[in-house]
Protein backbone atom coordinates (compact mmCIF):
# COMPACT_ATOMS: atom_id res chain seq x y z
CA MET A 1 9.25 76.32 26.31
CA ASN A 2 8.09 75.65 30.00
CA ASN A 3 6.50 72.27 30.66
CA ARG A 4 2.99 73.97 30.68
CA ASP A 5 3.67 75.45 27.32
CA LEU A 6 4.92 72.36 25.80
CA LYS A 7 1.85 70.27 27.02
CA GLN A 8 -0.31 72.96 25.46
CA GLU A 9 1.80 72.97 22.09
CA ILE A 10 1.33 69.09 22.02
CA SER A 11 -2.32 69.32 22.71
CA ASP A 12 -2.85 71.83 20.01
CA ARG A 13 -0.89 69.64 17.68
CA THR A 14 -2.71 66.47 18.63
CA LYS A 15 -6.07 68.27 17.83
CA HIS A 16 -4.69 69.29 14.52
CA ILE A 17 -3.74 65.63 13.70
CA ASN A 18 -6.97 64.30 14.89
CA GLY A 19 -8.77 66.58 12.58
CA ILE A 20 -6.58 65.26 9.73
CA ILE A 21 -7.26 61.77 10.66
CA GLU A 22 -10.99 62.20 10.82
CA THR A 23 -11.06 63.19 7.29
CA TYR A 24 -9.73 59.81 6.26
CA LEU A 25 -11.84 57.56 8.47
CA PRO A 26 -14.45 55.40 6.63
CA LYS A 27 -18.34 55.90 7.00
CA GLU A 28 -20.06 53.57 9.13
CA GLU A 29 -22.65 52.23 6.79
CA GLY A 30 -23.71 49.13 4.66
CA TYR A 31 -23.17 45.43 5.43
CA ALA A 32 -19.68 46.02 6.94
CA GLN A 33 -21.06 48.61 9.17
CA THR A 34 -19.84 46.71 12.27
CA VAL A 35 -16.48 46.54 11.51
CA LEU A 36 -16.47 50.12 10.31
CA GLU A 37 -17.61 50.98 13.72
CA ALA A 38 -15.24 48.85 15.27
CA MET A 39 -12.37 50.49 13.21
CA ASN A 40 -13.41 54.11 14.22
CA TYR A 41 -13.84 53.16 17.72
CA SER A 42 -10.15 51.81 18.00
CA ILE A 43 -9.01 55.16 16.30
CA HIS A 44 -11.18 57.32 18.66
CA ALA A 45 -9.93 55.56 21.91
CA GLY A 46 -7.29 58.33 21.67
CA GLY A 47 -3.58 58.20 22.18
CA LYS A 48 -0.67 60.63 21.85
CA ARG A 49 -0.59 60.65 18.02
CA VAL A 50 3.09 60.44 18.42
CA ARG A 51 4.13 58.94 15.15
CA PRO A 52 2.00 61.12 12.81
CA MET A 53 3.30 64.06 15.09
CA LEU A 54 7.06 63.18 14.30
CA MET A 55 6.28 62.65 10.93
CA GLU A 56 4.78 66.00 10.29
CA GLU A 57 7.46 67.97 12.19
CA THR A 58 10.22 65.89 10.42
CA TYR A 59 8.51 66.69 7.01
CA HIS A 60 8.61 70.41 7.99
CA LEU A 61 12.14 70.36 9.32
CA PHE A 62 13.42 69.39 5.79
CA GLY A 63 11.26 72.12 4.28
CA GLY A 64 8.21 70.03 3.24
CA LYS A 65 5.25 72.60 2.75
CA GLU A 66 2.56 70.77 0.83
CA ASP A 67 -0.25 68.59 2.60
CA VAL A 68 1.11 65.39 0.71
CA VAL A 69 2.33 64.18 4.07
CA GLU A 70 -1.39 64.08 5.47
CA PRO A 71 -2.29 60.76 4.01
CA PHE A 72 0.72 59.25 5.59
CA MET A 73 0.03 60.81 8.93
CA ALA A 74 -3.50 59.11 8.93
CA ALA A 75 -2.34 56.00 7.74
CA MET A 76 0.37 55.73 10.26
CA GLU A 77 -2.03 56.07 13.10
CA MET A 78 -4.15 53.41 11.46
CA ILE A 79 -1.11 51.05 11.25
CA HIS A 80 -0.30 51.96 14.93
CA THR A 81 -4.01 51.26 16.16
CA TYR A 82 -4.19 47.88 14.34
CA SER A 83 -1.15 46.73 16.07
CA LEU A 84 -2.66 47.59 19.38
CA VAL A 85 -5.91 46.26 18.53
CA HIS A 86 -4.52 42.76 17.57
CA ASP A 87 -1.79 43.14 20.68
CA ASP A 88 -5.05 43.28 23.13
CA LEU A 89 -6.44 40.15 21.70
CA PRO A 90 -6.76 36.94 23.98
CA ALA A 91 -4.21 35.14 21.77
CA MET A 92 -1.86 38.03 22.62
CA ASP A 93 -1.75 40.16 25.71
CA ASN A 94 -5.51 39.51 26.44
CA ASP A 95 -5.86 43.08 27.76
CA MET A 96 -9.57 44.12 28.49
CA LEU A 97 -8.54 47.90 28.95
CA ARG A 98 -6.74 50.55 26.78
CA ARG A 99 -6.29 54.24 27.59
CA GLY A 100 -9.24 53.77 30.32
CA LYS A 101 -11.63 52.19 27.89
CA PRO A 102 -12.54 48.50 26.89
CA THR A 103 -10.34 47.10 24.14
CA THR A 104 -11.66 46.72 20.83
CA HIS A 105 -12.23 42.98 21.25
CA ALA A 106 -13.93 43.61 24.74
CA ALA A 107 -16.23 46.08 23.12
CA TYR A 108 -16.98 44.17 19.72
CA GLY A 109 -16.07 40.59 20.41
CA GLU A 110 -12.96 38.68 19.47
CA ALA A 111 -13.79 37.85 15.87
CA MET A 112 -14.62 41.62 15.27
CA GLY A 113 -11.43 42.45 17.04
CA VAL A 114 -9.31 40.60 14.32
CA LEU A 115 -11.26 41.97 11.49
CA ALA A 116 -11.08 45.69 12.66
CA GLY A 117 -7.32 44.99 13.01
CA ASP A 118 -7.19 43.50 9.46
CA ALA A 119 -9.31 46.23 8.15
CA LEU A 120 -7.47 49.30 9.68
CA LEU A 121 -4.15 47.67 8.24
CA ASN A 122 -5.61 47.31 4.65
CA TYR A 123 -7.19 50.81 4.85
CA ALA A 124 -3.90 52.35 5.96
CA TYR A 125 -2.41 51.42 2.47
CA GLU A 126 -5.53 52.91 0.76
CA THR A 127 -5.04 56.14 2.62
CA ALA A 128 -1.34 56.24 2.05
CA LEU A 129 -1.91 55.98 -1.54
CA LEU A 130 -4.07 59.26 -1.69
CA SER A 131 -0.90 61.04 -1.43
CA PHE A 132 -0.49 60.84 -5.18
CA GLU A 133 -3.65 63.24 -5.44
CA LYS A 134 -2.11 65.80 -3.23
CA THR A 135 0.78 67.09 -5.58
CA LYS A 136 1.51 67.75 -9.17
CA ASP A 137 5.25 67.76 -8.49
CA VAL A 138 7.05 65.36 -10.75
CA LYS A 139 9.76 64.45 -8.48
CA MET A 140 7.35 63.85 -5.65
CA LEU A 141 5.05 61.68 -7.99
CA SER A 142 7.95 59.68 -9.38
CA SER A 143 10.51 59.54 -6.45
CA SER A 144 9.59 60.88 -3.08
CA ILE A 145 6.24 59.16 -2.54
CA PRO A 146 7.10 55.77 -4.00
CA LYS A 147 10.17 55.89 -1.66
CA ALA A 148 8.12 56.99 1.29
CA LEU A 149 5.58 54.21 0.37
CA GLN A 150 8.32 51.41 0.35
CA LEU A 151 9.66 52.62 3.90
CA PHE A 152 6.10 52.65 5.21
CA ALA A 153 5.31 49.29 4.15
CA SER A 154 8.57 47.62 4.89
CA LYS A 155 8.86 49.11 8.49
CA ALA A 156 5.31 47.74 9.31
CA GLY A 157 5.79 44.33 8.13
CA ILE A 158 7.83 41.10 8.62
CA HIS A 159 11.29 43.20 8.55
CA GLY A 160 9.78 45.69 11.10
CA MET A 161 6.76 45.75 13.50
CA VAL A 162 5.38 42.26 12.70
CA GLY A 163 8.84 40.73 12.81
CA GLY A 164 9.52 42.32 16.27
CA GLN A 165 6.03 41.08 17.33
CA THR A 166 6.64 37.70 16.23
CA ALA A 167 9.99 37.36 18.39
CA ASP A 168 8.30 39.01 21.39
CA VAL A 169 5.37 36.44 21.25
CA GLU A 170 7.68 33.29 20.78
CA ALA A 171 9.74 34.53 23.74
CA GLU A 172 6.70 35.06 25.93
CA LYS A 173 4.69 32.10 25.07
CA LYS A 174 7.36 29.55 24.35
CA GLY A 175 9.43 30.52 27.34
CA LEU A 176 12.58 31.06 25.25
CA SER A 177 15.77 32.28 26.80
CA LEU A 178 16.00 36.10 26.77
CA ASP A 179 19.52 37.65 25.64
CA GLU A 180 20.58 41.15 25.01
CA GLU A 181 20.33 40.70 21.09
CA LYS A 182 17.22 39.17 20.98
CA LEU A 183 15.45 41.73 23.34
CA SER A 184 17.11 44.32 21.09
CA TYR A 185 15.66 42.94 17.88
CA ILE A 186 12.34 42.88 19.75
CA ILE A 187 12.44 46.56 20.73
CA GLU A 188 13.99 47.95 17.66
CA ASN A 189 11.29 46.34 15.49
CA LYS A 190 7.96 45.70 17.60
CA THR A 191 8.26 49.60 18.92
CA GLY A 192 10.93 51.26 16.98
CA ALA A 193 10.02 50.39 13.62
CA LEU A 194 7.08 52.72 13.38
CA ILE A 195 8.92 55.41 14.96
CA GLU A 196 11.64 55.06 12.52
CA SER A 197 9.04 54.84 9.71
CA ALA A 198 7.25 58.24 10.80
CA MET A 199 10.55 60.00 10.96
CA MET A 200 12.02 58.81 7.71
CA VAL A 201 8.82 59.03 5.75
CA GLY A 202 8.69 62.64 6.72
CA ALA A 203 12.26 63.48 5.54
CA THR A 204 11.79 61.40 2.45
CA LEU A 205 8.62 63.13 1.36
CA ALA A 206 10.55 66.49 2.02
CA ASN A 207 13.36 65.43 -0.35
CA ALA A 208 16.13 65.15 2.40
CA THR A 209 19.38 63.73 1.25
CA ARG A 210 20.10 59.87 1.78
CA GLU A 211 22.53 61.00 4.61
CA GLN A 212 19.98 62.82 6.31
CA VAL A 213 17.37 60.18 6.23
CA ALA A 214 20.04 57.92 7.67
CA CYS A 215 20.79 60.22 10.44
CA VAL A 216 17.07 60.64 11.04
CA GLN A 217 16.77 56.74 11.24
CA LYS A 218 19.53 56.60 13.88
CA ILE A 219 17.60 59.39 15.91
CA ALA A 220 14.21 57.47 15.56
CA GLN A 221 15.97 54.23 16.68
CA ASN A 222 17.12 55.71 19.90
CA VAL A 223 13.68 57.34 20.65
CA GLY A 224 11.97 54.07 19.86
CA PHE A 225 14.35 52.13 22.05
CA ALA A 226 13.92 54.93 24.92
CA PHE A 227 10.34 54.96 24.51
CA GLN A 228 9.88 51.29 24.97
CA ILE A 229 12.29 51.01 27.85
CA GLN A 230 10.17 53.97 29.39
CA ASP A 231 6.97 51.90 28.79
CA ASP A 232 8.46 48.98 30.59
CA ILE A 233 9.52 51.20 33.39
CA LEU A 234 6.24 52.60 33.81
CA ASP A 235 4.61 48.98 33.78
CA VAL A 236 6.51 48.48 36.99
CA VAL A 237 6.22 51.83 38.69
CA GLY A 238 3.53 54.05 36.88
CA ASP A 239 0.29 55.33 38.03
CA GLU A 240 -2.59 53.18 36.87
CA ALA A 241 -5.09 55.94 36.82
CA LEU A 242 -2.72 58.08 34.53
CA LEU A 243 -1.76 55.06 32.40
CA GLY A 244 -5.32 53.95 31.79
CA LYS A 245 -4.42 50.20 31.92
CA PRO A 246 -3.39 48.02 34.68
CA ILE A 247 0.22 47.94 35.68
CA GLY A 248 2.18 44.84 36.30
CA SER A 249 0.73 43.13 33.15
CA ASP A 250 4.09 42.37 31.82
CA GLU A 251 5.13 40.45 34.71
CA ARG A 252 1.73 38.53 34.98
CA ASN A 253 2.22 37.80 31.28
CA GLU A 254 5.87 36.64 31.97
CA LYS A 255 6.93 39.12 29.15
CA PRO A 256 10.43 39.82 28.29
CA THR A 257 11.35 43.29 28.82
CA TYR A 258 14.68 45.62 29.30
CA VAL A 259 13.76 46.16 33.02
CA VAL A 260 13.52 42.29 33.58
CA LEU A 261 17.05 41.78 32.19
CA HIS A 262 18.80 44.85 33.39
CA GLY A 263 16.85 46.05 36.51
CA LEU A 264 15.14 49.39 36.94
CA GLU A 265 18.02 51.73 37.59
CA ALA A 266 20.16 50.38 34.28
CA SER A 267 16.95 50.98 32.53
CA LYS A 268 16.17 54.52 33.70
CA GLU A 269 19.96 55.29 32.86
CA LYS A 270 19.73 53.64 29.30
CA VAL A 271 16.73 55.85 28.61
CA LYS A 272 18.75 58.88 29.50
CA THR A 273 21.63 58.03 27.48
CA LEU A 274 19.49 57.21 24.23
CA THR A 275 17.40 60.12 24.60
CA GLU A 276 20.56 62.59 24.99
CA GLU A 277 22.29 61.06 21.88
CA ALA A 278 19.17 61.56 19.79
CA VAL A 279 18.86 65.20 20.91
CA GLU A 280 22.39 65.76 20.01
CA LEU A 281 22.04 64.27 16.39
CA LEU A 282 19.04 66.35 15.94
CA LYS A 283 20.74 69.69 16.60
CA GLY A 284 23.20 68.98 14.01
CA PHE A 285 20.28 69.81 11.34
CA ASP A 286 19.59 73.40 9.98
CA GLY A 287 16.30 74.67 10.74
CA ASP A 288 14.49 74.87 13.94
CA THR A 289 14.43 71.65 15.80
CA SER A 290 13.44 73.12 19.21
CA PHE A 291 10.12 71.32 19.36
CA LEU A 292 11.08 68.11 18.20
CA GLU A 293 14.18 68.26 20.86
CA GLU A 294 11.61 69.00 23.62
CA PHE A 295 8.96 66.87 22.36
CA LEU A 296 11.49 63.80 22.28
CA MET A 297 12.46 64.52 25.81
CA TYR A 298 8.94 64.71 27.03
CA LEU A 299 8.25 61.61 25.22
CA VAL A 300 10.64 59.38 26.91
CA TYR A 301 10.37 60.91 30.42
CA ARG A 302 6.38 60.64 30.30
CA GLU A 303 4.29 59.21 33.06
CA LYS A 304 1.74 57.84 30.92
């Protein structure tokens, strides 16, 4: 698949995912209408829909055929979006633009930004639980879905994304010293945890073996790490018009990044090594891994 065909395939899949997400968004009505509008505004701000795309493709890789994965796909994007809404708040990164549009707190005010993030987090779990209504398969109901829910919750919480964000905030705001171990923890949890969750949930819902899920986790760890390093690289050398947000924000906010610790060239080499290892592991699975291979390469060598 050439680059143009891949971009079209990703675009088509993104539209498909947006359609799924749309079916699970709340109606903007009643006394809570403002926060409901802010929730939907945050989701509609766009994005690559990377995590639900990885989830669905991994689900299909291991033979998943039912639409039981769809509530999890929508819920995953809600979790990811809430984290961005809170990340942009004045108490965090204080960003006013995301994807070329005003951030949620810039559009609705700081208090509503906090509430919109809270609402998306809670609504994500309500949405994921709808997966029980999507199947009558006993194994799915008694084992696969509960295991997927446990993974989903754990990777988003204090032992995953929130834990990584905590370490990141403390390192930045308190000016704590940055070493390899602490930086790895931040990257593996703040960014990597949801990518791990997406792929592991997809595999788990498709009844992949424990060994297969462990291998998927390693692939996702590599991808998450490479994805974050590439994000840090783009903050230094990226095109602001393509990114849809100001470059250099990491430096202005004195954020600890892999580029700060290791430099630009070493960071690019790390991205290459991690990605190649992930692709090689992926090739070890039966089934068609061609799109996933190309998609992973596309993700970590993106320009925005």
